[in-house]
Amino acid sequence: MSVAFLLTSLIVVATPGTGVLYTLAAGLSRGARASVLAAFACTLGIVPHMVAAITGLAALLHASAVAFQTLKYVGVAYLLWMAWTTFREHGALVVEPGAPVPARRVLVSGVLINILNPKLTIFFFAFLPQFVDTDTPGSVVHMVGLSAVFMLMTFVVFAIYGAFAAAVRHRVLARPHVVQWMRRSFAAAFVALGAKLALSSR
């Protein structure tokens, strides 16, 4: 495993995106347990993209404008729905002190956020082959191994983000105006990410 792969993966994982935003929101709204669940869910959401890249489905997605656009706009719609429910204080990210963690909703939302991002499939399609000699025996196993490392790195980094958010949660909840600002900021961020995805191309 090359140092270049590890460094590139760390940069990609640590750069704030929908997964990081969701994990931060979960930590702030529901605490440490929810942040870990969110990090795990976002990591699980990588699996279909990894499988697509290894089996060649990513190439089909890259070649088919209809397939890419369909998945893209479903992802945009989901991000906008996340923005609306966050703004309206519903769903998995409602901020409510002492409320039980809706584990199923946190998991489902986190998985869907990454599954419905076609850019992640294209990323794996373009990224993994750079570090694997596809003409040698065992190349598929090598790709699976690299993907597993990427997923582990994703979980650890996202969990760190979530732990930080959970650590400052009580200070945030003690200030109602900050809670309101935070909720609106996360909703706006989901809208911005949805707009970015809508304007993206293959």
C-alpha atoms as a PDB file:
ATOM      1  CA  MET A   1       0.000   0.000   0.000  1.00  0.00           C
ATOM      2  CA  SER A   2       1.506   3.301  -1.089  1.00  0.00           C
ATOM      3  CA  VAL A   3       1.921   6.446   0.960  1.00  0.00           C
ATOM      4  CA  ALA A   4       0.323   8.352  -1.925  1.00  0.00           C
ATOM      5  CA  PHE A   5      -2.870   6.302  -1.560  1.00  0.00           C
ATOM      6  CA  LEU A   6      -3.045   6.931   2.191  1.00  0.00           C
ATOM      7  CA  LEU A   7      -2.397  10.661   1.885  1.00  0.00           C
ATOM      8  CA  THR A   8      -4.849  11.111  -0.976  1.00  0.00           C
ATOM      9  CA  SER A   9      -7.503   9.107   0.860  1.00  0.00           C
ATOM     10  CA  LEU A  10      -7.005  11.156   4.036  1.00  0.00           C
ATOM     11  CA  ILE A  11      -7.418  14.408   2.127  1.00  0.00           C
ATOM     12  CA  VAL A  12     -10.566  13.156   0.414  1.00  0.00           C
ATOM     13  CA  VAL A  13     -12.079  11.800   3.631  1.00  0.00           C
ATOM     14  CA  ALA A  14     -11.225  14.802   5.813  1.00  0.00           C
ATOM     15  CA  THR A  15     -12.504  17.377   3.324  1.00  0.00           C
ATOM     16  CA  PRO A  16     -15.959  18.472   4.558  1.00  0.00           C
ATOM     17  CA  GLY A  17     -18.813  17.129   2.438  1.00  0.00           C
ATOM     18  CA  THR A  18     -22.257  15.666   2.947  1.00  0.00           C
ATOM     19  CA  GLY A  19     -20.992  12.818   5.142  1.00  0.00           C
ATOM     20  CA  VAL A  20     -18.966  15.082   7.425  1.00  0.00           C
ATOM     21  CA  LEU A  21     -21.836  17.557   7.646  1.00  0.00           C
ATOM     22  CA  TYR A  22     -24.289  14.804   8.548  1.00  0.00           C
ATOM     23  CA  THR A  23     -21.976  13.371  11.220  1.00  0.00           C
ATOM     24  CA  LEU A  24     -21.389  16.802  12.758  1.00  0.00           C
ATOM     25  CA  ALA A  25     -25.116  17.484  12.780  1.00  0.00           C
ATOM     26  CA  ALA A  26     -25.824  14.118  14.399  1.00  0.00           C
ATOM     27  CA  GLY A  27     -23.216  14.741  17.108  1.00  0.00           C
ATOM     28  CA  LEU A  28     -24.539  18.203  17.889  1.00  0.00           C
ATOM     29  CA  SER A  29     -28.201  17.239  17.805  1.00  0.00           C
ATOM     30  CA  ARG A  30     -28.109  13.794  19.419  1.00  0.00           C
ATOM     31  CA  GLY A  31     -24.748  13.268  21.091  1.00  0.00           C
ATOM     32  CA  ALA A  32     -21.819  10.850  20.875  1.00  0.00           C
ATOM     33  CA  ARG A  33     -23.783   7.670  20.156  1.00  0.00           C
ATOM     34  CA  ALA A  34     -25.611   9.264  17.243  1.00  0.00           C
ATOM     35  CA  SER A  35     -22.357  10.642  15.821  1.00  0.00           C
ATOM     36  CA  VAL A  36     -20.810   7.157  15.815  1.00  0.00           C
ATOM     37  CA  LEU A  37     -23.953   5.740  14.183  1.00  0.00           C
ATOM     38  CA  ALA A  38     -23.815   8.498  11.562  1.00  0.00           C
ATOM     39  CA  ALA A  39     -20.127   7.840  10.858  1.00  0.00           C
ATOM     40  CA  PHE A  40     -20.842   4.111  10.541  1.00  0.00           C
ATOM     41  CA  ALA A  41     -23.838   4.742   8.266  1.00  0.00           C
ATOM     42  CA  CYS A  42     -21.867   7.035   5.969  1.00  0.00           C
ATOM     43  CA  THR A  43     -19.147   4.388   5.792  1.00  0.00           C
ATOM     44  CA  LEU A  44     -21.716   1.707   4.877  1.00  0.00           C
ATOM     45  CA  GLY A  45     -22.953   4.019   2.148  1.00  0.00           C
ATOM     46  CA  ILE A  46     -19.559   3.654   0.440  1.00  0.00           C
ATOM     47  CA  VAL A  47     -20.005  -0.097  -0.117  1.00  0.00           C
ATOM     48  CA  PRO A  48     -22.282   0.127  -3.202  1.00  0.00           C
ATOM     49  CA  HIS A  49     -19.865   2.561  -4.851  1.00  0.00           C
ATOM     50  CA  MET A  50     -16.942   0.279  -4.101  1.00  0.00           C
ATOM     51  CA  VAL A  51     -18.803  -2.696  -5.581  1.00  0.00           C
ATOM     52  CA  ALA A  52     -19.767  -0.638  -8.637  1.00  0.00           C
ATOM     53  CA  ALA A  53     -16.159   0.378  -9.225  1.00  0.00           C
ATOM     54  CA  ILE A  54     -14.839  -3.175  -8.855  1.00  0.00           C
ATOM     55  CA  THR A  55     -17.523  -4.782 -11.037  1.00  0.00           C
ATOM     56  CA  GLY A  56     -17.395  -2.130 -13.736  1.00  0.00           C
ATOM     57  CA  LEU A  57     -20.831  -0.625 -13.076  1.00  0.00           C
ATOM     58  CA  ALA A  58     -19.142   2.717 -12.501  1.00  0.00           C
ATOM     59  CA  ALA A  59     -17.991   2.697 -16.106  1.00  0.00           C
ATOM     60  CA  LEU A  60     -21.613   2.289 -17.199  1.00  0.00           C
ATOM     61  CA  LEU A  61     -22.692   5.147 -14.948  1.00  0.00           C
ATOM     62  CA  HIS A  62     -19.887   7.287 -16.321  1.00  0.00           C
ATOM     63  CA  ALA A  63     -20.859   6.472 -19.907  1.00  0.00           C
ATOM     64  CA  SER A  64     -24.619   6.783 -19.497  1.00  0.00           C
ATOM     65  CA  ALA A  65     -25.820  10.359 -19.169  1.00  0.00           C
ATOM     66  CA  VAL A  66     -29.339   9.210 -18.268  1.00  0.00           C
ATOM     67  CA  ALA A  67     -28.162   6.931 -15.452  1.00  0.00           C
ATOM     68  CA  PHE A  68     -25.873   9.583 -14.024  1.00  0.00           C
ATOM     69  CA  GLN A  69     -28.469  12.349 -14.205  1.00  0.00           C
ATOM     70  CA  THR A  70     -31.158  10.134 -12.660  1.00  0.00           C
ATOM     71  CA  LEU A  71     -29.025   9.179  -9.667  1.00  0.00           C
ATOM     72  CA  LYS A  72     -27.770  12.746  -9.351  1.00  0.00           C
ATOM     73  CA  TYR A  73     -31.214  14.310  -9.124  1.00  0.00           C
ATOM     74  CA  VAL A  74     -32.466  11.679  -6.712  1.00  0.00           C
ATOM     75  CA  GLY A  75     -29.484  12.624  -4.550  1.00  0.00           C
ATOM     76  CA  VAL A  76     -30.283  16.327  -4.912  1.00  0.00           C
ATOM     77  CA  ALA A  77     -33.904  15.715  -3.904  1.00  0.00           C
ATOM     78  CA  TYR A  78     -32.787  13.773  -0.840  1.00  0.00           C
ATOM     79  CA  LEU A  79     -30.388  16.539   0.260  1.00  0.00           C
ATOM     80  CA  LEU A  80     -33.158  19.112  -0.118  1.00  0.00           C
ATOM     81  CA  TRP A  81     -35.461  16.883   1.936  1.00  0.00           C
ATOM     82  CA  MET A  82     -32.743  16.677   4.609  1.00  0.00           C
ATOM     83  CA  ALA A  83     -32.498  20.480   4.563  1.00  0.00           C
ATOM     84  CA  TRP A  84     -36.264  20.839   4.996  1.00  0.00           C
ATOM     85  CA  THR A  85     -36.565  18.337   7.850  1.00  0.00           C
ATOM     86  CA  THR A  86     -33.548  19.870   9.608  1.00  0.00           C
ATOM     87  CA  PHE A  87     -35.009  23.356   9.288  1.00  0.00           C
ATOM     88  CA  ARG A  88     -38.429  22.173  10.478  1.00  0.00           C
ATOM     89  CA  GLU A  89     -36.949  20.191  13.399  1.00  0.00           C
ATOM     90  CA  HIS A  90     -38.104  16.794  12.159  1.00  0.00           C
ATOM     91  CA  GLY A  91     -36.277  13.633  11.191  1.00  0.00           C
ATOM     92  CA  ALA A  92     -32.994  12.239  12.474  1.00  0.00           C
ATOM     93  CA  LEU A  93     -31.370  15.603  13.231  1.00  0.00           C
ATOM     94  CA  VAL A  94     -33.960  17.210  15.480  1.00  0.00           C
ATOM     95  CA  VAL A  95     -32.283  19.034  18.379  1.00  0.00           C
ATOM     96  CA  GLU A  96     -34.031  18.041  21.570  1.00  0.00           C
ATOM     97  CA  PRO A  97     -32.204  17.587  24.917  1.00  0.00           C
ATOM     98  CA  GLY A  98     -32.716  14.190  26.496  1.00  0.00           C
ATOM     99  CA  ALA A  99     -34.629  12.701  23.564  1.00  0.00           C
ATOM    100  CA  PRO A 100     -33.885   9.065  22.640  1.00  0.00           C
ATOM    101  CA  VAL A 101     -31.629   8.515  19.654  1.00  0.00           C
ATOM    102  CA  PRO A 102     -33.619   7.282  16.631  1.00  0.00           C
ATOM    103  CA  ALA A 103     -30.913   4.816  15.612  1.00  0.00           C
ATOM    104  CA  ARG A 104     -32.734   3.453  12.570  1.00  0.00           C
ATOM    105  CA  ARG A 105     -33.371   6.896  11.114  1.00  0.00           C
ATOM    106  CA  VAL A 106     -29.799   8.020  11.766  1.00  0.00           C
ATOM    107  CA  LEU A 107     -28.462   4.908  10.033  1.00  0.00           C
ATOM    108  CA  VAL A 108     -30.836   5.033   7.066  1.00  0.00           C
ATOM    109  CA  SER A 109     -30.247   8.746   6.467  1.00  0.00           C
ATOM    110  CA  GLY A 110     -26.460   8.360   6.650  1.00  0.00           C
ATOM    111  CA  VAL A 111     -26.415   5.418   4.252  1.00  0.00           C
ATOM    112  CA  LEU A 112     -28.681   7.160   1.750  1.00  0.00           C
ATOM    113  CA  ILE A 113     -26.596  10.336   1.800  1.00  0.00           C
ATOM    114  CA  ASN A 114     -23.598   8.459   0.401  1.00  0.00           C
ATOM    115  CA  ILE A 115     -25.472   5.962  -1.776  1.00  0.00           C
ATOM    116  CA  LEU A 116     -27.264   8.769  -3.632  1.00  0.00           C
ATOM    117  CA  ASN A 117     -24.052  10.568  -4.516  1.00  0.00           C
ATOM    118  CA  PRO A 118     -23.023   9.526  -8.057  1.00  0.00           C
ATOM    119  CA  LYS A 119     -19.784  11.487  -7.781  1.00  0.00           C
ATOM    120  CA  LEU A 120     -18.603   8.952  -5.208  1.00  0.00           C
ATOM    121  CA  THR A 121     -18.962   6.112  -7.711  1.00  0.00           C
ATOM    122  CA  ILE A 122     -17.075   8.089 -10.337  1.00  0.00           C
ATOM    123  CA  PHE A 123     -14.418   8.877  -7.729  1.00  0.00           C
ATOM    124  CA  PHE A 124     -13.860   5.179  -7.018  1.00  0.00           C
ATOM    125  CA  PHE A 125     -13.870   4.434 -10.735  1.00  0.00           C
ATOM    126  CA  ALA A 126     -11.112   6.995 -11.349  1.00  0.00           C
ATOM    127  CA  PHE A 127      -9.275   6.676  -8.024  1.00  0.00           C
ATOM    128  CA  LEU A 128      -8.770   2.997  -7.252  1.00  0.00           C
ATOM    129  CA  PRO A 129      -7.261   1.875 -10.594  1.00  0.00           C
ATOM    130  CA  GLN A 130      -4.409   4.370 -10.120  1.00  0.00           C
ATOM    131  CA  PHE A 131      -3.059   2.236  -7.280  1.00  0.00           C
ATOM    132  CA  VAL A 132      -3.799  -1.221  -8.717  1.00  0.00           C
ATOM    133  CA  ASP A 133      -2.217  -3.079 -11.624  1.00  0.00           C
ATOM    134  CA  THR A 134      -5.406  -4.446 -13.172  1.00  0.00           C
ATOM    135  CA  ASP A 135      -3.471  -6.777 -15.466  1.00  0.00           C
ATOM    136  CA  THR A 136      -1.996  -8.849 -12.634  1.00  0.00           C
ATOM    137  CA  PRO A 137      -3.671 -11.750 -10.781  1.00  0.00           C
ATOM    138  CA  GLY A 138      -5.287 -10.709  -7.537  1.00  0.00           C
ATOM    139  CA  SER A 139      -6.057  -7.177  -8.683  1.00  0.00           C
ATOM    140  CA  VAL A 140      -9.663  -7.463  -7.495  1.00  0.00           C
ATOM    141  CA  VAL A 141      -8.514  -8.564  -4.043  1.00  0.00           C
ATOM    142  CA  HIS A 142      -6.103  -5.645  -4.001  1.00  0.00           C
ATOM    143  CA  MET A 143      -8.908  -3.213  -4.892  1.00  0.00           C
ATOM    144  CA  VAL A 144     -11.108  -4.651  -2.151  1.00  0.00           C
ATOM    145  CA  GLY A 145      -8.259  -4.235   0.333  1.00  0.00           C
ATOM    146  CA  LEU A 146      -7.675  -0.606  -0.640  1.00  0.00           C
ATOM    147  CA  SER A 147     -11.410   0.073  -0.474  1.00  0.00           C
ATOM    148  CA  ALA A 148     -11.540  -1.440   3.023  1.00  0.00           C
ATOM    149  CA  VAL A 149      -8.706   0.860   4.129  1.00  0.00           C
ATOM    150  CA  PHE A 150     -10.543   3.844   2.635  1.00  0.00           C
ATOM    151  CA  MET A 151     -13.719   2.865   4.488  1.00  0.00           C
ATOM    152  CA  LEU A 152     -11.874   2.392   7.784  1.00  0.00           C
ATOM    153  CA  MET A 153     -10.260   5.788   7.351  1.00  0.00           C
ATOM    154  CA  THR A 154     -13.671   7.291   6.604  1.00  0.00           C
ATOM    155  CA  PHE A 155     -15.185   5.845   9.764  1.00  0.00           C
ATOM    156  CA  VAL A 156     -12.318   6.981  12.003  1.00  0.00           C
ATOM    157  CA  VAL A 157     -12.159  10.527  10.619  1.00  0.00           C
ATOM    158  CA  PHE A 158     -15.936  10.966  10.658  1.00  0.00           C
ATOM    159  CA  ALA A 159     -16.098   9.589  14.212  1.00  0.00           C
ATOM    160  CA  ILE A 160     -13.505  12.174  15.289  1.00  0.00           C
ATOM    161  CA  TYR A 161     -15.592  14.933  13.736  1.00  0.00           C
ATOM    162  CA  GLY A 162     -18.657  13.558  15.492  1.00  0.00           C
ATOM    163  CA  ALA A 163     -16.892  13.237  18.861  1.00  0.00           C
ATOM    164  CA  PHE A 164     -15.868  16.883  18.685  1.00  0.00           C
ATOM    165  CA  ALA A 165     -19.434  17.910  17.882  1.00  0.00           C
ATOM    166  CA  ALA A 166     -20.816  15.780  20.719  1.00  0.00           C
ATOM    167  CA  ALA A 167     -18.263  17.265  23.153  1.00  0.00           C
ATOM    168  CA  VAL A 168     -19.597  20.791  22.632  1.00  0.00           C
ATOM    169  CA  ARG A 169     -23.237  19.699  22.400  1.00  0.00           C
ATOM    170  CA  HIS A 170     -24.269  20.733  25.926  1.00  0.00           C
ATOM    171  CA  ARG A 171     -22.770  24.190  25.513  1.00  0.00           C
ATOM    172  CA  VAL A 172     -24.736  24.586  22.310  1.00  0.00           C
ATOM    173  CA  LEU A 173     -28.014  23.324  23.782  1.00  0.00           C
ATOM    174  CA  ALA A 174     -27.674  25.757  26.693  1.00  0.00           C
ATOM    175  CA  ARG A 175     -28.056  28.624  24.220  1.00  0.00           C
ATOM    176  CA  PRO A 176     -31.403  28.463  22.369  1.00  0.00           C
ATOM    177  CA  HIS A 177     -30.404  31.157  19.880  1.00  0.00           C
ATOM    178  CA  VAL A 178     -27.298  29.141  18.988  1.00  0.00           C
ATOM    179  CA  VAL A 179     -29.449  26.022  18.478  1.00  0.00           C
ATOM    180  CA  GLN A 180     -31.711  27.940  16.115  1.00  0.00           C
ATOM    181  CA  TRP A 181     -28.728  29.354  14.221  1.00  0.00           C
ATOM    182  CA  MET A 182     -27.119  25.913  14.053  1.00  0.00           C
ATOM    183  CA  ARG A 183     -30.277  24.277  12.695  1.00  0.00           C
ATOM    184  CA  ARG A 184     -30.646  26.922  10.002  1.00  0.00           C
ATOM    185  CA  SER A 185     -26.946  26.699   9.128  1.00  0.00           C
ATOM    186  CA  PHE A 186     -27.100  22.932   8.648  1.00  0.00           C
ATOM    187  CA  ALA A 187     -30.258  23.283   6.557  1.00  0.00           C
ATOM    188  CA  ALA A 188     -28.550  25.916   4.395  1.00  0.00           C
ATOM    189  CA  ALA A 189     -25.475  23.715   4.066  1.00  0.00           C
ATOM    190  CA  PHE A 190     -27.583  20.782   2.828  1.00  0.00           C
ATOM    191  CA  VAL A 191     -29.191  23.105   0.275  1.00  0.00           C
ATOM    192  CA  ALA A 192     -25.766  24.314  -0.855  1.00  0.00           C
ATOM    193  CA  LEU A 193     -24.477  20.754  -1.226  1.00  0.00           C
ATOM    194  CA  GLY A 194     -27.611  19.824  -3.146  1.00  0.00           C
ATOM    195  CA  ALA A 195     -27.075  22.760  -5.483  1.00  0.00           C
ATOM    196  CA  LYS A 196     -23.429  21.799  -5.953  1.00  0.00           C
ATOM    197  CA  LEU A 197     -24.433  18.245  -6.840  1.00  0.00           C
ATOM    198  CA  ALA A 198     -27.137  19.500  -9.225  1.00  0.00           C
ATOM    199  CA  LEU A 199     -24.593  21.616 -11.097  1.00  0.00           C
ATOM    200  CA  SER A 200     -21.978  18.857 -11.233  1.00  0.00           C
ATOM    201  CA  SER A 201     -21.158  16.953 -14.389  1.00  0.00           C
ATOM    202  CA  ARG A 202     -19.565  13.603 -15.074  1.00  0.00           C
END
